[in-house]
Amino acid sequence: MNPGKKCGAEKETSCGCASSTVLKPKKEKPVDRYYVTGWRQTGAGEIPTAATTLTKKDKWEHFKVALTIGRGDYKVEPGLYAVGDPTAAAPVLVTANYKLSFDALRKELGGLAAWLLVLNSKGINVWCAAGKGTFGTDELVARIESSGLKEIVNHKKLVVPQLGATGVSAHKVKKLSGFTVVFGPVRAADLPAFLAAGNKAAAEMRRVEFPLAERLRQMPADLVQGIRYLLFISAAFFVLAGLYKGGYSLQMAGEVGLRAAFNLALAYVGAMALGFLLLPYLPGRSFSFKGLFLGVILFAFSFTLHITGNGVLEIVGWFLVMGAISSFTVMNLTGSSTYTSLSGVKKEMRTAVPLQAGAAAVGLLSWLLSRFISLP
């Protein structure tokens, strides 16, 4: 049950519910805690022990989540966990309850003993949740209290991921809970060395990178998310392709619609693939411009294959539509990359989205007019 998503009888009016109706709390899907291997008795009660080795089930679920299957509900129960055989002096490592974040942490702790304080980030990873505020100061302080951490450890230090720094105010955590926040390395793989060095990070541990291997791992999830929209838009173009000044032609719908589907797929899939592959090397600072650059290249490729049509209106239409799709597609990679800030993304979108929408609308109109007007 999530109290934040229901209306209690005493607050029905203030949250917009009818005063005569009490809403039933939404039942959440039970969490399968197969990653728990046992229980450890502490001064605050029994604490689950998490495995540090990923199973075939973990890896299969990671594969499905990479394809966005079940991604919206891929989380672990928040609270305190143990790994290894931690004592009261063992370090406390903070993470999010997005299971990929939880797994990325625990699999690097083999042979170590530690406590894992898992915050309720609503099933969102550390970096994104910190930006949204769900991985933040209030949740951290509340989780310290609810887990009974003060009765389990004999120190006052918390190791918080560096990528969670935007959501966690160290001085407020100290004031409200008495615990000192130490920001750990960017990558969980560096934690053993970080802990061995007395919670000191080498310069390379602070550096955020987005190498080719990581970009390729991220690409399937981003690609799959837009496929349904691509199919819907392609179907609409198939239907509209049959229009012409003499009425409607199924044969024309098939021929012209097939070309349209190719151009749409090329603009989206091509921009997505090339965007991830060439991201550091594409010209311009804004992602929307990088996408536009790719859109021009993809349009030129289609033009050389004579798939953008023969008339001026149709060719111009595809230039605008493909440019808009490619620009928008690559701009959306900001949510998957390490190159941008939240404020920077918002600023770029305020300018880019209206231009992309306008170009797509004018391009579509030009393409539709080409069904009725023949220009050399």
Protein backbone atom coordinates (compact mmCIF):
# COMPACT_ATOMS: atom_id res chain seq x y z
CA MET A 1 0.00 0.00 0.00
CA ASN A 2 1.27 3.45 -0.84
CA PRO A 3 -0.27 6.07 1.47
CA GLY A 4 0.79 8.84 -0.90
CA LYS A 5 -1.56 7.56 -3.58
CA LYS A 6 -4.80 7.22 -1.67
CA CYS A 7 -7.20 9.57 0.07
CA GLY A 8 -7.92 8.99 3.72
CA ALA A 9 -11.44 9.66 4.93
CA GLU A 10 -10.26 12.69 6.89
CA LYS A 11 -8.65 14.30 3.80
CA GLU A 12 -11.07 13.41 1.07
CA THR A 13 -12.10 16.95 0.17
CA SER A 14 -8.59 18.42 0.15
CA CYS A 15 -7.31 15.81 -2.29
CA GLY A 16 -10.22 16.14 -4.68
CA CYS A 17 -12.28 13.07 -3.79
CA ALA A 18 -16.05 13.18 -3.46
CA SER A 19 -16.88 13.68 0.20
CA SER A 20 -19.26 10.72 0.21
CA THR A 21 -16.76 8.27 -1.25
CA VAL A 22 -13.79 6.62 0.42
CA LEU A 23 -11.28 5.32 -2.13
CA LYS A 24 -9.76 1.91 -1.56
CA PRO A 25 -5.97 1.96 -1.42
CA LYS A 26 -4.33 0.67 -4.56
CA LYS A 27 -2.82 -2.76 -4.10
CA GLU A 28 0.79 -2.88 -5.15
CA LYS A 29 2.27 -5.91 -6.84
CA PRO A 30 4.06 -8.11 -4.26
CA VAL A 31 7.84 -7.94 -4.55
CA ASP A 32 9.58 -11.27 -5.12
CA ARG A 33 12.56 -11.14 -2.77
CA TYR A 34 14.43 -14.09 -4.27
CA TYR A 35 17.64 -12.09 -3.87
CA VAL A 36 17.34 -12.48 -0.06
CA THR A 37 19.42 -15.43 1.14
CA GLY A 38 18.73 -15.24 4.87
CA TRP A 39 18.09 -13.02 7.87
CA ARG A 40 20.40 -11.36 10.38
CA GLN A 41 19.38 -10.62 13.94
CA THR A 42 20.13 -7.03 15.05
CA GLY A 43 19.18 -4.63 17.79
CA ALA A 44 16.40 -3.37 15.52
CA GLY A 45 15.07 -6.80 14.64
CA GLU A 46 15.74 -9.16 11.73
CA ILE A 47 17.42 -7.68 8.67
CA PRO A 48 17.37 -9.51 5.30
CA THR A 49 20.70 -10.58 3.83
CA ALA A 50 21.08 -9.94 0.11
CA ALA A 51 23.11 -12.11 -2.24
CA THR A 52 26.13 -10.58 -3.94
CA THR A 53 25.99 -12.95 -6.90
CA LEU A 54 23.42 -12.38 -9.63
CA THR A 55 21.36 -15.41 -10.63
CA LYS A 56 20.08 -16.44 -14.05
CA LYS A 57 16.74 -14.97 -13.03
CA ASP A 58 18.39 -11.61 -12.31
CA LYS A 59 20.12 -11.61 -15.69
CA TRP A 60 16.95 -12.63 -17.53
CA GLU A 61 15.02 -9.82 -15.85
CA HIS A 62 17.79 -7.37 -16.73
CA PHE A 63 17.45 -8.43 -20.36
CA LYS A 64 13.68 -7.87 -20.30
CA VAL A 65 14.04 -4.48 -18.64
CA ALA A 66 16.54 -3.50 -21.34
CA LEU A 67 13.64 -4.00 -23.75
CA THR A 68 11.38 -1.96 -21.42
CA ILE A 69 9.40 -5.07 -20.39
CA GLY A 70 8.30 -4.55 -16.78
CA ARG A 71 10.61 -1.56 -16.43
CA GLY A 72 8.04 0.60 -14.71
CA ASP A 73 7.67 -1.81 -11.79
CA TYR A 74 11.20 -3.18 -11.46
CA LYS A 75 12.01 -2.47 -7.85
CA VAL A 76 12.97 -3.96 -4.49
CA GLU A 77 11.42 -3.27 -1.13
CA PRO A 78 13.01 -0.22 0.52
CA GLY A 79 14.67 -0.66 3.88
CA LEU A 80 17.89 -1.99 5.36
CA TYR A 81 19.72 -5.04 3.97
CA ALA A 82 22.92 -6.80 4.94
CA VAL A 83 25.59 -8.19 2.62
CA GLY A 84 28.25 -10.54 3.90
CA ASP A 85 28.56 -10.64 7.70
CA PRO A 86 28.42 -6.97 8.74
CA THR A 87 29.18 -5.79 12.27
CA ALA A 88 28.15 -2.57 13.96
CA ALA A 89 31.23 -0.92 12.47
CA ALA A 90 30.46 -1.97 8.87
CA PRO A 91 29.87 0.79 6.30
CA VAL A 92 26.34 1.87 5.35
CA LEU A 93 25.86 2.22 1.60
CA VAL A 94 22.80 4.09 0.33
CA THR A 95 21.04 3.22 -2.94
CA ALA A 96 17.69 3.42 -4.72
CA ASN A 97 15.03 0.73 -4.84
CA TYR A 98 15.21 0.47 -8.63
CA LYS A 99 16.38 -3.13 -8.89
CA LEU A 100 19.02 -2.44 -11.54
CA SER A 101 20.60 0.09 -9.14
CA PHE A 102 20.30 -2.35 -6.24
CA ASP A 103 21.83 -5.17 -8.31
CA ALA A 104 24.63 -2.97 -9.66
CA LEU A 105 25.63 -2.25 -6.06
CA ARG A 106 25.33 -5.67 -4.45
CA LYS A 107 27.16 -7.56 -7.20
CA GLU A 108 30.28 -5.46 -6.55
CA LEU A 109 30.34 -6.30 -2.83
CA GLY A 110 31.37 -9.93 -2.95
CA GLY A 111 33.72 -10.69 -0.05
CA LEU A 112 32.78 -7.46 1.76
CA ALA A 113 30.51 -6.86 4.73
CA ALA A 114 28.20 -3.86 4.63
CA TRP A 115 24.72 -2.52 5.28
CA LEU A 116 22.61 -1.38 2.34
CA LEU A 117 20.09 1.36 3.07
CA VAL A 118 17.61 1.25 0.20
CA LEU A 119 15.51 4.39 -0.28
CA ASN A 120 12.04 4.41 -1.79
CA SER A 121 12.86 6.12 -5.08
CA LYS A 122 9.58 4.88 -6.60
CA GLY A 123 11.49 2.35 -8.69
CA ILE A 124 13.66 5.01 -10.38
CA ASN A 125 17.45 4.93 -10.63
CA VAL A 126 19.62 7.09 -8.36
CA TRP A 127 20.48 9.84 -10.84
CA CYS A 128 16.97 10.35 -12.21
CA ALA A 129 15.35 9.97 -8.79
CA ALA A 130 17.70 12.59 -7.34
CA GLY A 131 16.60 14.99 -10.07
CA LYS A 132 12.94 14.21 -9.42
CA GLY A 133 13.34 14.49 -5.64
CA THR A 134 12.40 10.92 -4.70
CA PHE A 135 16.03 10.08 -3.87
CA GLY A 136 16.43 12.98 -1.51
CA THR A 137 17.06 14.36 1.94
CA ASP A 138 13.61 13.75 3.40
CA GLU A 139 13.43 10.13 2.25
CA LEU A 140 16.95 9.44 3.49
CA VAL A 141 16.26 10.86 6.94
CA ALA A 142 12.94 9.01 7.15
CA ARG A 143 14.56 5.74 6.09
CA ILE A 144 17.28 6.11 8.74
CA GLU A 145 14.57 6.31 11.38
CA SER A 146 12.25 3.61 10.05
CA SER A 147 15.08 1.09 9.58
CA GLY A 148 16.36 1.47 13.15
CA LEU A 149 19.84 2.14 11.77
CA LYS A 150 20.94 4.02 14.89
CA GLU A 151 20.45 0.82 16.92
CA ILE A 152 22.43 -1.30 14.46
CA VAL A 153 25.64 0.61 13.71
CA ASN A 154 28.05 2.30 16.12
CA HIS A 155 29.06 5.10 13.74
CA LYS A 156 27.38 8.02 11.99
CA LYS A 157 28.52 7.77 8.38
CA LEU A 158 26.52 7.12 5.22
CA VAL A 159 28.06 6.51 1.80
CA VAL A 160 25.70 8.08 -0.75
CA PRO A 161 26.26 7.65 -4.53
CA GLN A 162 27.82 10.73 -6.11
CA LEU A 163 25.05 10.73 -8.72
CA GLY A 164 22.54 11.20 -5.90
CA ALA A 165 24.15 14.43 -4.73
CA THR A 166 21.62 16.65 -6.51
CA GLY A 167 18.85 15.29 -4.31
CA VAL A 168 20.64 14.94 -0.96
CA SER A 169 21.59 17.91 1.21
CA ALA A 170 24.44 16.63 3.40
CA HIS A 171 24.17 19.39 6.02
CA LYS A 172 20.41 18.87 6.40
CA VAL A 173 20.85 15.12 6.81
CA LYS A 174 23.45 15.82 9.53
CA LYS A 175 21.16 18.28 11.28
CA LEU A 176 18.05 16.08 11.15
CA SER A 177 19.57 12.63 11.77
CA GLY A 178 23.06 13.09 13.15
CA PHE A 179 24.54 11.09 10.26
CA THR A 180 27.33 12.46 8.08
CA VAL A 181 26.98 11.99 4.34
CA VAL A 182 30.06 10.90 2.40
CA PHE A 183 29.60 10.92 -1.36
CA GLY A 184 30.96 7.77 -2.90
CA PRO A 185 32.30 7.13 -6.40
CA VAL A 186 30.30 7.38 -9.61
CA ARG A 187 30.56 3.65 -10.37
CA ALA A 188 29.64 0.89 -7.95
CA ALA A 189 32.62 -1.10 -9.22
CA ASP A 190 34.92 1.44 -7.51
CA LEU A 191 33.33 1.02 -4.09
CA PRO A 192 35.68 -1.69 -2.77
CA ALA A 193 38.72 0.50 -3.55
CA PHE A 194 36.92 3.56 -2.17
CA LEU A 195 36.14 1.82 1.13
CA ALA A 196 39.64 0.34 1.38
CA ALA A 197 41.09 3.85 0.99
CA GLY A 198 39.12 5.12 3.98
CA ASN A 199 36.23 6.60 2.00
CA LYS A 200 38.54 8.56 -0.27
CA ALA A 201 37.89 8.70 -4.01
CA ALA A 202 40.61 8.92 -6.62
CA ALA A 203 40.09 11.53 -9.33
CA GLU A 204 38.96 8.94 -11.89
CA MET A 205 36.27 7.72 -9.47
CA ARG A 206 34.61 11.15 -9.68
CA ARG A 207 34.61 11.31 -13.45
CA VAL A 208 31.32 10.59 -15.22
CA GLU A 209 31.87 8.85 -18.54
CA PHE A 210 29.57 7.47 -21.23
CA PRO A 211 31.74 5.15 -23.37
CA LEU A 212 30.57 3.25 -26.42
CA ALA A 213 29.82 0.04 -24.51
CA GLU A 214 27.46 1.86 -22.13
CA ARG A 215 25.82 3.72 -24.98
CA LEU A 216 25.15 0.46 -26.81
CA ARG A 217 23.65 -1.11 -23.69
CA GLN A 218 21.26 1.81 -23.35
CA MET A 219 20.19 1.88 -27.00
CA PRO A 220 17.69 -1.06 -27.04
CA ALA A 221 15.55 0.42 -24.26
CA ASP A 222 15.35 3.83 -25.93
CA LEU A 223 14.71 2.26 -29.33
CA VAL A 224 11.85 0.05 -28.15
CA GLN A 225 10.09 2.91 -26.37
CA GLY A 226 9.40 4.72 -29.62
CA ILE A 227 8.56 1.73 -31.82
CA ARG A 228 4.82 1.85 -31.07
CA TYR A 229 4.68 5.51 -32.11
CA LEU A 230 6.60 4.71 -35.27
CA LEU A 231 4.10 1.98 -36.16
CA PHE A 232 1.14 4.27 -35.51
CA ILE A 233 2.56 7.12 -37.61
CA SER A 234 3.54 4.72 -40.40
CA ALA A 235 -0.01 3.34 -40.48
CA ALA A 236 -1.39 6.88 -40.75
CA PHE A 237 0.94 7.62 -43.68
CA PHE A 238 -0.18 4.39 -45.38
CA VAL A 239 -3.78 5.52 -45.19
CA LEU A 240 -3.06 9.06 -46.38
CA ALA A 241 -0.79 7.85 -49.18
CA GLY A 242 -3.79 6.62 -51.14
CA LEU A 243 -5.22 10.12 -51.53
CA TYR A 244 -4.84 11.90 -54.84
CA LYS A 245 -6.81 14.39 -56.94
CA GLY A 246 -8.74 11.60 -58.62
CA GLY A 247 -9.99 10.15 -55.32
CA TYR A 248 -8.41 7.23 -53.48
CA SER A 249 -6.18 4.42 -54.73
CA LEU A 250 -5.30 1.31 -52.73
CA GLN A 251 -2.45 0.59 -55.08
CA MET A 252 -1.02 4.05 -54.51
CA ALA A 253 -1.53 3.64 -50.77
CA GLY A 254 0.63 0.55 -50.87
CA GLU A 255 3.37 1.95 -53.09
CA VAL A 256 3.66 5.43 -51.62
CA GLY A 257 2.90 4.19 -48.10
CA LEU A 258 5.79 1.74 -48.28
CA ARG A 259 8.17 4.55 -49.21
CA ALA A 260 6.78 6.65 -46.37
CA ALA A 261 7.26 3.82 -43.86
CA PHE A 262 10.87 3.41 -45.01
CA ASN A 263 11.61 7.12 -44.57
CA LEU A 264 9.97 7.24 -41.14
CA ALA A 265 11.86 4.15 -39.95
CA LEU A 266 15.10 5.48 -41.38
CA ALA A 267 14.69 8.82 -39.61
CA TYR A 268 13.88 7.22 -36.25
CA VAL A 269 15.98 4.05 -36.15
CA GLY A 270 18.86 5.65 -38.04
CA ALA A 271 18.96 8.68 -35.74
CA MET A 272 18.72 6.47 -32.66
CA ALA A 273 21.50 4.10 -33.74
CA LEU A 274 23.84 6.73 -35.13
CA GLY A 275 23.03 9.05 -32.25
CA PHE A 276 24.27 6.57 -29.67
CA LEU A 277 27.23 5.43 -31.77
CA LEU A 278 28.49 8.88 -32.74
CA LEU A 279 27.22 11.02 -29.86
CA PRO A 280 30.61 12.43 -28.76
CA TYR A 281 31.58 13.23 -32.34
CA LEU A 282 28.44 14.85 -33.74
CA PRO A 283 28.73 18.62 -34.32
CA GLY A 284 27.01 21.13 -32.09
CA ARG A 285 26.41 21.20 -28.36
CA SER A 286 22.64 20.80 -28.28
CA PHE A 287 21.28 17.31 -28.85
CA SER A 288 18.52 18.65 -31.09
CA PHE A 289 21.12 20.08 -33.46
CA LYS A 290 23.09 16.82 -33.42
CA GLY A 291 19.86 15.06 -34.40
CA LEU A 292 19.14 17.56 -37.14
CA PHE A 293 22.62 16.98 -38.56
CA LEU A 294 21.90 13.25 -38.69
CA GLY A 295 18.48 13.95 -40.21
CA VAL A 296 20.05 15.77 -43.13
CA ILE A 297 22.43 12.85 -43.73
CA LEU A 298 19.61 10.30 -43.53
CA PHE A 299 17.44 12.37 -45.87
CA ALA A 300 20.32 12.58 -48.36
CA PHE A 301 20.68 8.80 -48.22
CA SER A 302 16.97 8.31 -48.92
CA PHE A 303 17.09 10.95 -51.67
CA THR A 304 19.89 9.11 -53.49
CA LEU A 305 17.71 5.97 -53.42
CA HIS A 306 14.82 7.98 -54.94
CA ILE A 307 12.59 7.16 -51.97
CA THR A 308 11.76 10.77 -51.12
CA GLY A 309 9.64 11.09 -54.27
CA ASN A 310 10.07 13.07 -57.45
CA GLY A 311 8.06 16.26 -56.98
CA VAL A 312 9.38 19.30 -55.13
CA LEU A 313 6.57 19.29 -52.56
CA GLU A 314 7.11 15.65 -51.58
CA ILE A 315 10.88 16.04 -51.40
CA VAL A 316 10.63 19.18 -49.27
CA GLY A 317 8.05 17.44 -47.10
CA TRP A 318 10.36 14.54 -46.37
CA PHE A 319 13.29 16.85 -45.71
CA LEU A 320 11.29 18.61 -42.98
CA VAL A 321 9.65 15.50 -41.53
CA MET A 322 12.83 13.42 -41.39
CA GLY A 323 14.80 16.34 -39.95
CA ALA A 324 12.18 16.89 -37.24
CA ILE A 325 12.00 13.19 -36.31
CA SER A 326 15.79 12.81 -36.17
CA SER A 327 16.21 16.01 -34.17
CA PHE A 328 13.53 14.98 -31.65
CA THR A 329 14.88 11.42 -31.39
CA VAL A 330 18.43 12.45 -30.58
CA MET A 331 17.23 15.20 -28.25
CA ASN A 332 15.52 12.50 -26.20
CA LEU A 333 18.87 10.80 -25.66
CA THR A 334 19.54 13.50 -23.06
CA GLY A 335 17.69 11.30 -20.58
CA SER A 336 20.12 8.45 -21.23
CA SER A 337 23.40 10.32 -21.47
CA THR A 338 25.78 11.90 -18.99
CA TYR A 339 26.38 15.00 -21.08
CA THR A 340 23.53 17.20 -19.94
CA SER A 341 21.90 18.76 -16.88
CA LEU A 342 18.20 18.94 -16.05
CA SER A 343 18.13 22.73 -16.41
CA GLY A 344 20.03 22.53 -19.70
CA VAL A 345 17.60 19.97 -21.11
CA LYS A 346 14.58 22.08 -20.16
CA LYS A 347 16.12 25.15 -21.74
CA GLU A 348 16.90 23.30 -24.96
CA MET A 349 13.44 21.76 -25.19
CA ARG A 350 11.69 25.12 -24.82
CA THR A 351 13.34 26.20 -28.05
CA ALA A 352 13.69 22.94 -29.96
CA VAL A 353 10.27 21.30 -29.47
CA PRO A 354 8.22 24.11 -31.09
CA LEU A 355 10.63 24.18 -34.03
CA GLN A 356 10.50 20.40 -34.40
CA ALA A 357 6.70 20.37 -34.21
CA GLY A 358 6.46 23.21 -36.71
CA ALA A 359 8.82 21.54 -39.17
CA ALA A 360 6.94 18.24 -38.89
CA ALA A 361 3.59 19.97 -39.44
CA VAL A 362 4.78 21.93 -42.48
CA GLY A 363 6.48 18.84 -43.84
CA LEU A 364 3.34 16.76 -43.47
CA LEU A 365 1.26 19.46 -45.17
CA SER A 366 3.76 19.66 -48.03
CA TRP A 367 3.67 15.88 -48.42
CA LEU A 368 -0.15 15.86 -48.41
CA LEU A 369 -0.31 18.63 -51.02
CA SER A 370 2.00 16.59 -53.21
CA ARG A 371 -0.80 14.01 -53.43
CA PHE A 372 -2.91 16.62 -55.25
CA ILE A 373 -0.48 19.10 -56.82
CA SER A 374 2.26 18.08 -59.21
CA LEU A 375 5.26 20.40 -59.27
CA PRO A 376 8.39 19.74 -61.33
